[in-house]
Every structure is written in C-alpha cells, then in structure tokens.
PDB file of all heavy atoms in Angstrom:
ATOM      1  N   MET A   1       9.143  14.178 -13.279  1.00  0.00           N
ATOM      2  CA  MET A   1       9.275  13.651 -11.930  1.00  0.00           C
ATOM      3  C   MET A   1       7.878  13.374 -11.384  1.00  0.00           C
ATOM      4  O   MET A   1       7.025  14.234 -11.334  1.00  0.00           O
ATOM      5  CB  MET A   1      10.009  14.675 -11.068  1.00  0.00           C
ATOM      6  CG  MET A   1      10.132  14.259  -9.628  1.00  0.00           C
ATOM      7  SD  MET A   1      11.207  15.299  -8.649  1.00  0.00           S
ATOM      8  CE  MET A   1      10.160  16.682  -8.298  1.00  0.00           C
ATOM      9  N   THR A   2       7.671  12.145 -10.990  1.00  0.00           N
ATOM     10  CA  THR A   2       6.394  11.730 -10.431  1.00  0.00           C
ATOM     11  C   THR A   2       6.481  11.776  -8.916  1.00  0.00           C
ATOM     12  O   THR A   2       7.469  11.387  -8.325  1.00  0.00           O
ATOM     13  CB  THR A   2       6.058  10.295 -10.884  1.00  0.00           C
ATOM     14  OG1 THR A   2       6.136  10.238 -12.301  1.00  0.00           O
ATOM     15  CG2 THR A   2       4.671   9.907 -10.435  1.00  0.00           C
ATOM     16  N   ARG A   3       5.408  12.263  -8.290  1.00  0.00           N
ATOM     17  CA  ARG A   3       5.359  12.334  -6.836  1.00  0.00           C
ATOM     18  C   ARG A   3       4.458  11.213  -6.323  1.00  0.00           C
ATOM     19  O   ARG A   3       3.415  10.919  -6.889  1.00  0.00           O
ATOM     20  CB  ARG A   3       4.781  13.684  -6.369  1.00  0.00           C
ATOM     21  CG  ARG A   3       5.500  14.913  -6.859  1.00  0.00           C
ATOM     22  CD  ARG A   3       6.892  15.075  -6.351  1.00  0.00           C
ATOM     23  NE  ARG A   3       6.923  15.257  -4.901  1.00  0.00           N
ATOM     24  CZ  ARG A   3       8.040  15.347  -4.215  1.00  0.00           C
ATOM     25  NH1 ARG A   3       9.205  15.248  -4.817  1.00  0.00           N
ATOM     26  NH2 ARG A   3       8.026  15.510  -2.922  1.00  0.00           N
ATOM     27  N   LEU A   4       4.890  10.574  -5.246  1.00  0.00           N
ATOM     28  CA  LEU A   4       4.109   9.533  -4.592  1.00  0.00           C
ATOM     29  C   LEU A   4       3.548  10.091  -3.295  1.00  0.00           C
ATOM     30  O   LEU A   4       4.235  10.805  -2.576  1.00  0.00           O
ATOM     31  CB  LEU A   4       4.982   8.321  -4.263  1.00  0.00           C
ATOM     32  CG  LEU A   4       5.593   7.536  -5.417  1.00  0.00           C
ATOM     33  CD1 LEU A   4       6.480   6.426  -4.875  1.00  0.00           C
ATOM     34  CD2 LEU A   4       4.523   6.958  -6.303  1.00  0.00           C
ATOM     35  N   THR A   5       2.314   9.729  -2.987  1.00  0.00           N
ATOM     36  CA  THR A   5       1.762  10.079  -1.689  1.00  0.00           C
ATOM     37  C   THR A   5       2.430   9.212  -0.627  1.00  0.00           C
ATOM     38  O   THR A   5       3.113   8.239  -0.945  1.00  0.00           O
ATOM     39  CB  THR A   5       0.238   9.853  -1.646  1.00  0.00           C
ATOM     40  OG1 THR A   5      -0.015   8.449  -1.803  1.00  0.00           O
ATOM     41  CG2 THR A   5      -0.478  10.636  -2.732  1.00  0.00           C
ATOM     42  N   ALA A   6       2.226   9.554   0.629  1.00  0.00           N
ATOM     43  CA  ALA A   6       2.819   8.766   1.713  1.00  0.00           C
ATOM     44  C   ALA A   6       2.273   7.343   1.690  1.00  0.00           C
ATOM     45  O   ALA A   6       3.003   6.384   1.931  1.00  0.00           O
ATOM     46  CB  ALA A   6       2.537   9.442   3.049  1.00  0.00           C
ATOM     47  N   ARG A   7       0.994   7.200   1.401  1.00  0.00           N
ATOM     48  CA  ARG A   7       0.402   5.858   1.350  1.00  0.00           C
ATOM     49  C   ARG A   7       1.020   5.030   0.232  1.00  0.00           C
ATOM     50  O   ARG A   7       1.316   3.852   0.412  1.00  0.00           O
ATOM     51  CB  ARG A   7      -1.109   5.965   1.151  1.00  0.00           C
ATOM     52  CG  ARG A   7      -1.804   4.620   1.201  1.00  0.00           C
ATOM     53  CD  ARG A   7      -3.277   4.770   1.217  1.00  0.00           C
ATOM     54  NE  ARG A   7      -3.652   5.330   2.501  1.00  0.00           N
ATOM     55  CZ  ARG A   7      -4.876   5.333   2.986  1.00  0.00           C
ATOM     56  NH1 ARG A   7      -5.843   4.797   2.308  1.00  0.00           N
ATOM     57  NH2 ARG A   7      -5.139   5.868   4.149  1.00  0.00           N
ATOM     58  N   GLU A   8       1.254   5.636  -0.926  1.00  0.00           N
ATOM     59  CA  GLU A   8       1.870   4.917  -2.039  1.00  0.00           C
ATOM     60  C   GLU A   8       3.322   4.564  -1.727  1.00  0.00           C
ATOM     61  O   GLU A   8       3.780   3.459  -2.040  1.00  0.00           O
ATOM     62  CB  GLU A   8       1.803   5.762  -3.309  1.00  0.00           C
ATOM     63  CG  GLU A   8       0.411   5.931  -3.865  1.00  0.00           C
ATOM     64  CD  GLU A   8       0.330   6.950  -4.986  1.00  0.00           C
ATOM     65  OE1 GLU A   8       1.192   7.844  -5.051  1.00  0.00           O
ATOM     66  OE2 GLU A   8      -0.615   6.854  -5.791  1.00  0.00           O
ATOM     67  N   ALA A   9       4.053   5.489  -1.099  1.00  0.00           N
ATOM     68  CA  ALA A   9       5.452   5.228  -0.759  1.00  0.00           C
ATOM     69  C   ALA A   9       5.564   4.091   0.256  1.00  0.00           C
ATOM     70  O   ALA A   9       6.377   3.182   0.101  1.00  0.00           O
ATOM     71  CB  ALA A   9       6.106   6.492  -0.215  1.00  0.00           C
ATOM     72  N   LEU A  10       4.737   4.114   1.298  1.00  0.00           N
ATOM     73  CA  LEU A  10       4.778   3.054   2.307  1.00  0.00           C
ATOM     74  C   LEU A  10       4.273   1.736   1.737  1.00  0.00           C
ATOM     75  O   LEU A  10       4.752   0.667   2.116  1.00  0.00           O
ATOM     76  CB  LEU A  10       3.974   3.462   3.539  1.00  0.00           C
ATOM     77  CG  LEU A  10       4.606   4.602   4.342  1.00  0.00           C
ATOM     78  CD1 LEU A  10       3.646   5.108   5.402  1.00  0.00           C
ATOM     79  CD2 LEU A  10       5.916   4.178   4.963  1.00  0.00           C
ATOM     80  N   SER A  11       3.313   1.798   0.816  1.00  0.00           N
ATOM     81  CA  SER A  11       2.835   0.586   0.159  1.00  0.00           C
ATOM     82  C   SER A  11       3.954  -0.055  -0.648  1.00  0.00           C
ATOM     83  O   SER A  11       4.122  -1.276  -0.650  1.00  0.00           O
ATOM     84  CB  SER A  11       1.653   0.917  -0.751  1.00  0.00           C
ATOM     85  OG  SER A  11       1.203  -0.227  -1.432  1.00  0.00           O
ATOM     86  N   TYR A  12       4.751   0.759  -1.320  1.00  0.00           N
ATOM     87  CA  TYR A  12       5.883   0.222  -2.070  1.00  0.00           C
ATOM     88  C   TYR A  12       6.906  -0.404  -1.122  1.00  0.00           C
ATOM     89  O   TYR A  12       7.471  -1.455  -1.413  1.00  0.00           O
ATOM     90  CB  TYR A  12       6.536   1.309  -2.917  1.00  0.00           C
ATOM     91  CG  TYR A  12       7.643   0.772  -3.777  1.00  0.00           C
ATOM     92  CD1 TYR A  12       7.357   0.104  -4.951  1.00  0.00           C
ATOM     93  CD2 TYR A  12       8.969   0.883  -3.389  1.00  0.00           C
ATOM     94  CE1 TYR A  12       8.369  -0.432  -5.730  1.00  0.00           C
ATOM     95  CE2 TYR A  12       9.985   0.356  -4.163  1.00  0.00           C
ATOM     96  CZ  TYR A  12       9.675  -0.293  -5.334  1.00  0.00           C
ATOM     97  OH  TYR A  12      10.673  -0.830  -6.092  1.00  0.00           O
ATOM     98  N   GLY A  13       7.126   0.239   0.025  1.00  0.00           N
ATOM     99  CA  GLY A  13       8.064  -0.296   0.994  1.00  0.00           C
ATOM    100  C   GLY A  13       7.612  -1.603   1.610  1.00  0.00           C
ATOM    101  O   GLY A  13       8.428  -2.457   1.946  1.00  0.00           O
ATOM    102  N   MET A  14       6.303  -1.786   1.755  1.00  0.00           N
ATOM    103  CA  MET A  14       5.782  -3.003   2.372  1.00  0.00           C
ATOM    104  C   MET A  14       5.573  -4.134   1.368  1.00  0.00           C
ATOM    105  O   MET A  14       5.879  -5.280   1.648  1.00  0.00           O
ATOM    106  CB  MET A  14       4.444  -2.698   3.059  1.00  0.00           C
ATOM    107  CG  MET A  14       4.560  -1.806   4.261  1.00  0.00           C
ATOM    108  SD  MET A  14       2.955  -1.316   4.895  1.00  0.00           S
ATOM    109  CE  MET A  14       2.291  -2.881   5.429  1.00  0.00           C
ATOM    110  N   PHE A  15       4.997  -3.800   0.218  1.00  0.00           N
ATOM    111  CA  PHE A  15       4.551  -4.832  -0.720  1.00  0.00           C
ATOM    112  C   PHE A  15       5.276  -4.829  -2.063  1.00  0.00           C
ATOM    113  O   PHE A  15       5.088  -5.736  -2.857  1.00  0.00           O
ATOM    114  CB  PHE A  15       3.052  -4.677  -0.993  1.00  0.00           C
ATOM    115  CG  PHE A  15       2.190  -4.764   0.226  1.00  0.00           C
ATOM    116  CD1 PHE A  15       1.671  -3.622   0.802  1.00  0.00           C
ATOM    117  CD2 PHE A  15       1.906  -5.982   0.798  1.00  0.00           C
ATOM    118  CE1 PHE A  15       0.875  -3.700   1.935  1.00  0.00           C
ATOM    119  CE2 PHE A  15       1.117  -6.072   1.926  1.00  0.00           C
ATOM    120  CZ  PHE A  15       0.597  -4.928   2.494  1.00  0.00           C
ATOM    121  N   GLY A  16       6.050  -3.776  -2.358  1.00  0.00           N
ATOM    122  CA  GLY A  16       6.666  -3.668  -3.679  1.00  0.00           C
ATOM    123  C   GLY A  16       5.698  -3.166  -4.722  1.00  0.00           C
ATOM    124  O   GLY A  16       5.979  -3.184  -5.908  1.00  0.00           O
ATOM    125  N   SER A  17       4.543  -2.686  -4.294  1.00  0.00           N
ATOM    126  CA  SER A  17       3.511  -2.157  -5.184  1.00  0.00           C
ATOM    127  C   SER A  17       2.955  -0.884  -4.558  1.00  0.00           C
ATOM    128  O   SER A  17       2.744  -0.836  -3.349  1.00  0.00           O
ATOM    129  CB  SER A  17       2.381  -3.167  -5.367  1.00  0.00           C
ATOM    130  OG  SER A  17       1.251  -2.564  -5.939  1.00  0.00           O
ATOM    131  N   THR A  18       2.726   0.140  -5.364  1.00  0.00           N
ATOM    132  CA  THR A  18       2.243   1.404  -4.815  1.00  0.00           C
ATOM    133  C   THR A  18       0.749   1.400  -4.528  1.00  0.00           C
ATOM    134  O   THR A  18       0.241   2.326  -3.916  1.00  0.00           O
ATOM    135  CB  THR A  18       2.564   2.566  -5.766  1.00  0.00           C
ATOM    136  OG1 THR A  18       1.970   2.314  -7.037  1.00  0.00           O
ATOM    137  CG2 THR A  18       4.060   2.752  -5.912  1.00  0.00           C
ATOM    138  N   THR A  19       0.016   0.371  -4.942  1.00  0.00           N
ATOM    139  CA  THR A  19      -1.441   0.355  -4.744  1.00  0.00           C
ATOM    140  C   THR A  19      -1.909  -0.673  -3.724  1.00  0.00           C
ATOM    141  O   THR A  19      -3.062  -0.643  -3.312  1.00  0.00           O
ATOM    142  CB  THR A  19      -2.145   0.055  -6.077  1.00  0.00           C
ATOM    143  OG1 THR A  19      -1.686  -1.201  -6.571  1.00  0.00           O
ATOM    144  CG2 THR A  19      -1.868   1.135  -7.097  1.00  0.00           C
ATOM    145  N   LYS A  20      -1.075  -1.574  -3.299  1.00  0.00           N
ATOM    146  CA  LYS A  20      -1.498  -2.694  -2.448  1.00  0.00           C
ATOM    147  C   LYS A  20      -1.986  -2.242  -1.070  1.00  0.00           C
ATOM    148  O   LYS A  20      -2.954  -2.780  -0.544  1.00  0.00           O
ATOM    149  CB  LYS A  20      -0.331  -3.666  -2.305  1.00  0.00           C
ATOM    150  CG  LYS A  20      -0.639  -4.885  -1.512  1.00  0.00           C
ATOM    151  CD  LYS A  20      -1.116  -5.988  -2.369  1.00  0.00           C
ATOM    152  CE  LYS A  20      -1.139  -7.268  -1.564  1.00  0.00           C
ATOM    153  NZ  LYS A  20      -2.208  -8.115  -1.855  1.00  0.00           N
ATOM    154  N   LEU A  21      -1.346  -1.252  -0.450  1.00  0.00           N
ATOM    155  CA  LEU A  21      -1.732  -0.819   0.889  1.00  0.00           C
ATOM    156  C   LEU A  21      -3.147  -0.267   0.902  1.00  0.00           C
ATOM    157  O   LEU A  21      -3.886  -0.473   1.857  1.00  0.00           O
ATOM    158  CB  LEU A  21      -0.738   0.221   1.422  1.00  0.00           C
ATOM    159  CG  LEU A  21      -0.961   0.716   2.842  1.00  0.00           C
ATOM    160  CD1 LEU A  21      -0.911  -0.431   3.842  1.00  0.00           C
ATOM    161  CD2 LEU A  21       0.049   1.777   3.214  1.00  0.00           C
ATOM    162  N   GLN A  22      -3.548   0.423  -0.153  1.00  0.00           N
ATOM    163  CA  GLN A  22      -4.912   0.960  -0.232  1.00  0.00           C
ATOM    164  C   GLN A  22      -5.923  -0.176  -0.151  1.00  0.00           C
ATOM    165  O   GLN A  22      -6.918  -0.079   0.562  1.00  0.00           O
ATOM    166  CB  GLN A  22      -5.093   1.737  -1.536  1.00  0.00           C
ATOM    167  CG  GLN A  22      -6.469   2.342  -1.712  1.00  0.00           C
ATOM    168  CD  GLN A  22      -6.769   3.431  -0.711  1.00  0.00           C
ATOM    169  OE1 GLN A  22      -5.903   4.214  -0.362  1.00  0.00           O
ATOM    170  NE2 GLN A  22      -7.989   3.480  -0.228  1.00  0.00           N
ATOM    171  N   ASP A  23      -5.669  -1.266  -0.857  1.00  0.00           N
ATOM    172  CA  ASP A  23      -6.575  -2.415  -0.830  1.00  0.00           C
ATOM    173  C   ASP A  23      -6.600  -3.065   0.544  1.00  0.00           C
ATOM    174  O   ASP A  23      -7.644  -3.493   1.024  1.00  0.00           O
ATOM    175  CB  ASP A  23      -6.160  -3.457  -1.876  1.00  0.00           C
ATOM    176  CG  ASP A  23      -6.216  -2.904  -3.286  1.00  0.00           C
ATOM    177  OD1 ASP A  23      -6.977  -1.936  -3.506  1.00  0.00           O
ATOM    178  OD2 ASP A  23      -5.496  -3.415  -4.154  1.00  0.00           O
ATOM    179  N   GLU A  24      -5.429  -3.147   1.196  1.00  0.00           N
ATOM    180  CA  GLU A  24      -5.338  -3.814   2.497  1.00  0.00           C
ATOM    181  C   GLU A  24      -6.001  -3.006   3.604  1.00  0.00           C
ATOM    182  O   GLU A  24      -6.484  -3.572   4.578  1.00  0.00           O
ATOM    183  CB  GLU A  24      -3.878  -4.087   2.859  1.00  0.00           C
ATOM    184  CG  GLU A  24      -3.123  -4.932   1.863  1.00  0.00           C
ATOM    185  CD  GLU A  24      -3.654  -6.343   1.732  1.00  0.00           C
ATOM    186  OE1 GLU A  24      -4.208  -6.875   2.707  1.00  0.00           O
ATOM    187  OE2 GLU A  24      -3.548  -6.915   0.637  1.00  0.00           O
ATOM    188  N   LEU A  25      -6.014  -1.678   3.490  1.00  0.00           N
ATOM    189  CA  LEU A  25      -6.596  -0.831   4.539  1.00  0.00           C
ATOM    190  C   LEU A  25      -8.103  -0.658   4.401  1.00  0.00           C
ATOM    191  O   LEU A  25      -8.746  -0.171   5.321  1.00  0.00           O
ATOM    192  CB  LEU A  25      -5.924   0.550   4.543  1.00  0.00           C
ATOM    193  CG  LEU A  25      -4.473   0.578   5.034  1.00  0.00           C
ATOM    194  CD1 LEU A  25      -3.903   1.972   4.883  1.00  0.00           C
ATOM    195  CD2 LEU A  25      -4.375   0.122   6.470  1.00  0.00           C
ATOM    196  N   ASN A  26      -8.673  -1.024   3.275  1.00  0.00           N
ATOM    197  CA  ASN A  26     -10.123  -0.914   3.105  1.00  0.00           C
ATOM    198  C   ASN A  26     -10.830  -1.837   4.093  1.00  0.00           C
ATOM    199  O   ASN A  26     -10.350  -2.932   4.380  1.00  0.00           O
ATOM    200  CB  ASN A  26     -10.535  -1.287   1.674  1.00  0.00           C
ATOM    201  CG  ASN A  26     -10.232  -0.182   0.704  1.00  0.00           C
ATOM    202  OD1 ASN A  26     -10.112   0.976   1.073  1.00  0.00           O
ATOM    203  ND2 ASN A  26     -10.102  -0.546  -0.555  1.00  0.00           N
ATOM    204  N   PRO A  27     -11.989  -1.415   4.603  1.00  0.00           N
ATOM    205  CA  PRO A  27     -12.729  -2.294   5.517  1.00  0.00           C
ATOM    206  C   PRO A  27     -13.085  -3.605   4.818  1.00  0.00           C
ATOM    207  O   PRO A  27     -13.547  -3.606   3.686  1.00  0.00           O
ATOM    208  CB  PRO A  27     -13.990  -1.498   5.852  1.00  0.00           C
ATOM    209  CG  PRO A  27     -13.693  -0.091   5.484  1.00  0.00           C
ATOM    210  CD  PRO A  27     -12.648  -0.134   4.415  1.00  0.00           C
ATOM    211  N   GLY A  28     -12.824  -4.708   5.486  1.00  0.00           N
ATOM    212  CA  GLY A  28     -13.083  -6.017   4.893  1.00  0.00           C
ATOM    213  C   GLY A  28     -12.062  -6.387   3.845  1.00  0.00           C
ATOM    214  O   GLY A  28     -12.243  -7.332   3.100  1.00  0.00           O
ATOM    215  N   GLY A  29     -10.970  -5.629   3.784  1.00  0.00           N
ATOM    216  CA  GLY A  29      -9.927  -5.883   2.795  1.00  0.00           C
ATOM    217  C   GLY A  29      -9.058  -7.052   3.190  1.00  0.00           C
ATOM    218  O   GLY A  29      -9.419  -7.899   4.001  1.00  0.00           O
ATOM    219  N   GLY A  30      -7.873  -7.059   2.657  1.00  0.00           N
ATOM    220  CA  GLY A  30      -6.952  -8.164   2.885  1.00  0.00           C
ATOM    221  C   GLY A  30      -6.240  -8.069   4.225  1.00  0.00           C
ATOM    222  O   GLY A  30      -6.675  -7.386   5.146  1.00  0.00           O
ATOM    223  N   ASP A  31      -5.136  -8.739   4.295  1.00  0.00           N
ATOM    224  CA  ASP A  31      -4.357  -8.821   5.523  1.00  0.00           C
ATOM    225  C   ASP A  31      -3.120  -7.956   5.377  1.00  0.00           C
ATOM    226  O   ASP A  31      -2.262  -8.229   4.539  1.00  0.00           O
ATOM    227  CB  ASP A  31      -3.961 -10.281   5.785  1.00  0.00           C
ATOM    228  CG  ASP A  31      -3.190 -10.444   7.076  1.00  0.00           C
ATOM    229  OD1 ASP A  31      -3.265  -9.537   7.926  1.00  0.00           O
ATOM    230  OD2 ASP A  31      -2.534 -11.474   7.230  1.00  0.00           O
ATOM    231  N   ILE A  32      -3.033  -6.905   6.182  1.00  0.00           N
ATOM    232  CA  ILE A  32      -1.912  -5.973   6.092  1.00  0.00           C
ATOM    233  C   ILE A  32      -0.601  -6.640   6.508  1.00  0.00           C
ATOM    234  O   ILE A  32       0.472  -6.197   6.154  1.00  0.00           O
ATOM    235  CB  ILE A  32      -2.192  -4.711   6.929  1.00  0.00           C
ATOM    236  CG1 ILE A  32      -1.274  -3.583   6.501  1.00  0.00           C
ATOM    237  CG2 ILE A  32      -2.049  -4.981   8.395  1.00  0.00           C
ATOM    238  CD1 ILE A  32      -1.653  -2.246   7.038  1.00  0.00           C
ATOM    239  N   LYS A  33      -0.679  -7.754   7.218  1.00  0.00           N
ATOM    240  CA  LYS A  33       0.518  -8.452   7.681  1.00  0.00           C
ATOM    241  C   LYS A  33       1.166  -9.279   6.577  1.00  0.00           C
ATOM    242  O   LYS A  33       2.202  -9.893   6.800  1.00  0.00           O
ATOM    243  CB  LYS A  33       0.169  -9.350   8.862  1.00  0.00           C
ATOM    244  CG  LYS A  33      -0.270  -8.551  10.068  1.00  0.00           C
ATOM    245  CD  LYS A  33      -0.626  -9.439  11.220  1.00  0.00           C
ATOM    246  CE  LYS A  33      -1.031  -8.566  12.384  1.00  0.00           C
ATOM    247  NZ  LYS A  33      -2.248  -8.928  12.995  1.00  0.00           N
ATOM    248  N   SER A  34       0.583  -9.305   5.392  1.00  0.00           N
ATOM    249  CA  SER A  34       1.143 -10.116   4.309  1.00  0.00           C
ATOM    250  C   SER A  34       2.316  -9.441   3.616  1.00  0.00           C
ATOM    251  O   SER A  34       2.933 -10.035   2.746  1.00  0.00           O
ATOM    252  CB  SER A  34       0.054 -10.438   3.282  1.00  0.00           C
ATOM    253  OG  SER A  34      -0.383  -9.253   2.651  1.00  0.00           O
ATOM    254  N   GLY A  35       2.644  -8.221   3.994  1.00  0.00           N
ATOM    255  CA  GLY A  35       3.761  -7.513   3.376  1.00  0.00           C
ATOM    256  C   GLY A  35       5.097  -8.040   3.854  1.00  0.00           C
ATOM    257  O   GLY A  35       5.207  -8.714   4.876  1.00  0.00           O
TER     258      GLY A  35
END
C-alpha cells in the first residue's frame, strides 16, 4: 500500500498527476489554474 501526501493527492485531483501541483506551486512556476 502506497501512501500519498496531501499535495500529491490534491495534485492528482486537479491534474491527474501526483507531481504536477509541486511544479505549479514553485515560484515562477506554471499556472495553477490549468488544472
């Protein structure tokens, strides 16, 4: 059983990927509204 952090779980809910939210929240990153 794999555990997801809250950031990974919400990233999956927004983008369908567990890593995308981390990239979007970085300073100068992408657009969080693209989910």
